[in-house]
């Protein structure tokens, strides 16, 4: 499709638009995932969990987490370089990969759900700052 923008002065501009609609499978499985709890100040992994999909969902848990500010990332490590979210690997972050949210932890938390998958982007994900080390 196309969108036409007509400025108050000047010539109208046509912008081509491509839209894709993706279906979600209730039994989707992007492979073994590492879910990382990251200290956003030091960018170090504080805790991690290794999880597999069950009915299209990955349940993760971090025990013995001290109070503080954290971010959560998840992804695969297909090339076994101890980093998730490299090019060609599944990747996600709480709330979104494009804008990871820093959350305050001062007790038990639940409902920190987010999407992890294989990004379809026009940039090289290997250079994206989301690439995170699996081991602390």
Protein backbone atom coordinates (compact mmCIF):
# COMPACT_ATOMS: atom_id res chain seq x y z
CA UNK A 1 0.00 0.00 0.00
CA UNK A 2 0.93 3.61 0.08
CA UNK A 3 0.36 6.64 2.29
CA UNK A 4 0.18 10.08 0.77
CA UNK A 5 1.43 13.01 2.84
CA UNK A 6 0.41 16.46 1.67
CA UNK A 7 2.28 19.30 3.37
CA UNK A 8 0.64 22.70 3.75
CA UNK A 9 3.12 24.03 1.20
CA UNK A 10 4.78 21.91 -1.44
CA UNK A 11 4.21 18.69 -3.29
CA UNK A 12 2.44 15.59 -1.98
CA UNK A 13 4.75 12.70 -1.10
CA UNK A 14 3.81 9.02 -1.49
CA UNK A 15 5.33 6.64 1.07
CA UNK A 16 5.22 2.93 0.25
CA UNK A 17 4.09 0.72 3.14
CA UNK A 18 4.56 -3.02 3.63
CA UNK A 19 2.60 -4.71 6.39
CA UNK A 20 2.91 -8.27 7.62
CA UNK A 21 0.53 -10.05 9.93
CA UNK A 22 1.93 -12.94 11.92
CA UNK A 23 -0.12 -15.68 13.52
CA UNK A 24 0.78 -16.94 16.97
CA UNK A 25 0.94 -20.67 17.49
CA UNK A 26 -0.17 -21.83 20.94
CA UNK A 27 2.52 -24.51 20.78
CA UNK A 28 5.36 -22.33 19.47
CA UNK A 29 8.85 -23.41 20.46
CA UNK A 30 11.92 -21.30 19.66
CA UNK A 31 14.27 -23.79 21.31
CA UNK A 32 16.14 -23.86 24.61
CA UNK A 33 16.15 -20.38 26.16
CA UNK A 34 18.38 -18.66 28.65
CA UNK A 35 16.54 -16.08 30.73
CA UNK A 36 18.91 -13.53 32.26
CA UNK A 37 18.48 -11.12 35.14
CA UNK A 38 20.77 -8.20 34.32
CA UNK A 39 22.10 -5.36 36.45
CA UNK A 40 21.56 -2.42 34.06
CA UNK A 41 24.35 -0.34 35.65
CA UNK A 42 27.12 -2.94 35.26
CA UNK A 43 25.45 -4.87 32.38
CA UNK A 44 26.37 -8.08 34.23
CA UNK A 45 24.22 -11.19 34.57
CA UNK A 46 23.07 -11.52 38.19
CA UNK A 47 21.04 -14.75 37.78
CA UNK A 48 19.96 -16.92 34.88
CA UNK A 49 17.53 -19.76 34.24
CA UNK A 50 17.61 -22.32 31.40
CA UNK A 51 14.11 -23.16 30.19
CA UNK A 52 12.25 -25.11 27.51
CA UNK A 53 8.84 -24.32 26.05
CA UNK A 54 5.70 -25.94 27.43
CA UNK A 55 2.56 -25.26 25.38
CA UNK A 56 4.27 -22.31 23.73
CA UNK A 57 5.40 -20.66 26.97
CA UNK A 58 8.68 -20.49 28.84
CA UNK A 59 8.34 -20.40 32.62
CA UNK A 60 11.37 -18.92 34.37
CA UNK A 61 12.31 -18.21 37.95
CA UNK A 62 15.12 -16.42 39.78
CA UNK A 63 15.74 -17.30 43.43
CA UNK A 64 17.63 -15.32 46.08
CA UNK A 65 17.58 -12.00 44.25
CA UNK A 66 18.55 -9.03 46.36
CA UNK A 67 16.69 -5.73 46.24
CA UNK A 68 17.66 -3.56 43.31
CA UNK A 69 17.01 -2.47 39.75
CA UNK A 70 17.13 -5.14 37.05
CA UNK A 71 16.33 -5.93 33.44
CA UNK A 72 15.26 -9.33 32.07
CA UNK A 73 16.41 -10.72 28.73
CA UNK A 74 15.78 -14.11 27.14
CA UNK A 75 17.11 -15.84 24.07
CA UNK A 76 18.90 -18.74 22.51
CA UNK A 77 22.63 -19.39 22.16
CA UNK A 78 22.79 -21.43 18.96
CA UNK A 79 26.52 -20.88 18.43
CA UNK A 80 27.42 -21.71 22.06
CA UNK A 81 29.44 -18.52 22.57
CA UNK A 82 27.81 -17.86 25.98
CA UNK A 83 25.93 -14.86 24.55
CA UNK A 84 22.25 -14.74 23.70
CA UNK A 85 20.61 -12.57 21.06
CA UNK A 86 23.33 -12.84 18.43
CA UNK A 87 22.27 -12.72 14.76
CA UNK A 88 20.05 -15.70 13.95
CA UNK A 89 19.20 -16.38 17.61
CA UNK A 90 15.87 -15.88 19.35
CA UNK A 91 15.75 -12.82 21.57
CA UNK A 92 13.42 -10.87 23.84
CA UNK A 93 13.37 -8.53 26.82
CA UNK A 94 10.86 -7.43 29.42
CA UNK A 95 8.72 -5.26 28.26
CA UNK A 96 10.13 -5.09 24.74
CA UNK A 97 13.49 -5.72 23.12
CA UNK A 98 13.53 -2.23 21.61
CA UNK A 99 12.87 -0.60 25.00
CA UNK A 100 13.84 -2.96 27.86
CA UNK A 101 12.20 -1.86 31.10
CA UNK A 102 14.18 -1.60 34.32
CA UNK A 103 12.17 -3.06 37.17
CA UNK A 104 12.54 -2.55 40.90
CA UNK A 105 12.83 -5.75 42.93
CA UNK A 106 12.28 -5.62 46.68
CA UNK A 107 10.40 -8.90 47.15
CA UNK A 108 8.71 -11.64 45.16
CA UNK A 109 7.44 -10.59 41.72
CA UNK A 110 5.30 -12.37 39.16
CA UNK A 111 3.62 -11.52 35.89
CA UNK A 112 6.82 -10.34 34.24
CA UNK A 113 5.81 -11.85 30.90
CA UNK A 114 7.26 -10.83 27.54
CA UNK A 115 7.83 -12.16 24.04
CA UNK A 116 11.00 -13.81 22.77
CA UNK A 117 11.42 -14.82 19.17
CA UNK A 118 13.43 -14.51 16.02
CA UNK A 119 13.50 -10.82 15.10
CA UNK A 120 12.79 -9.83 11.54
CA UNK A 121 14.78 -6.61 11.37
CA UNK A 122 16.71 -4.71 8.75
CA UNK A 123 19.75 -4.24 10.99
CA UNK A 124 22.41 -6.64 12.18
CA UNK A 125 21.29 -7.95 15.58
CA UNK A 126 24.86 -9.04 16.34
CA UNK A 127 25.68 -5.36 16.83
CA UNK A 128 22.53 -4.69 18.85
CA UNK A 129 23.13 -3.88 22.51
CA UNK A 130 20.72 -6.69 23.52
CA UNK A 131 23.45 -9.31 23.11
CA UNK A 132 24.04 -10.51 26.67
CA UNK A 133 26.49 -12.89 28.33
CA UNK A 134 24.88 -16.06 29.74
CA UNK A 135 27.26 -16.68 32.62
CA UNK A 136 27.89 -14.15 35.42
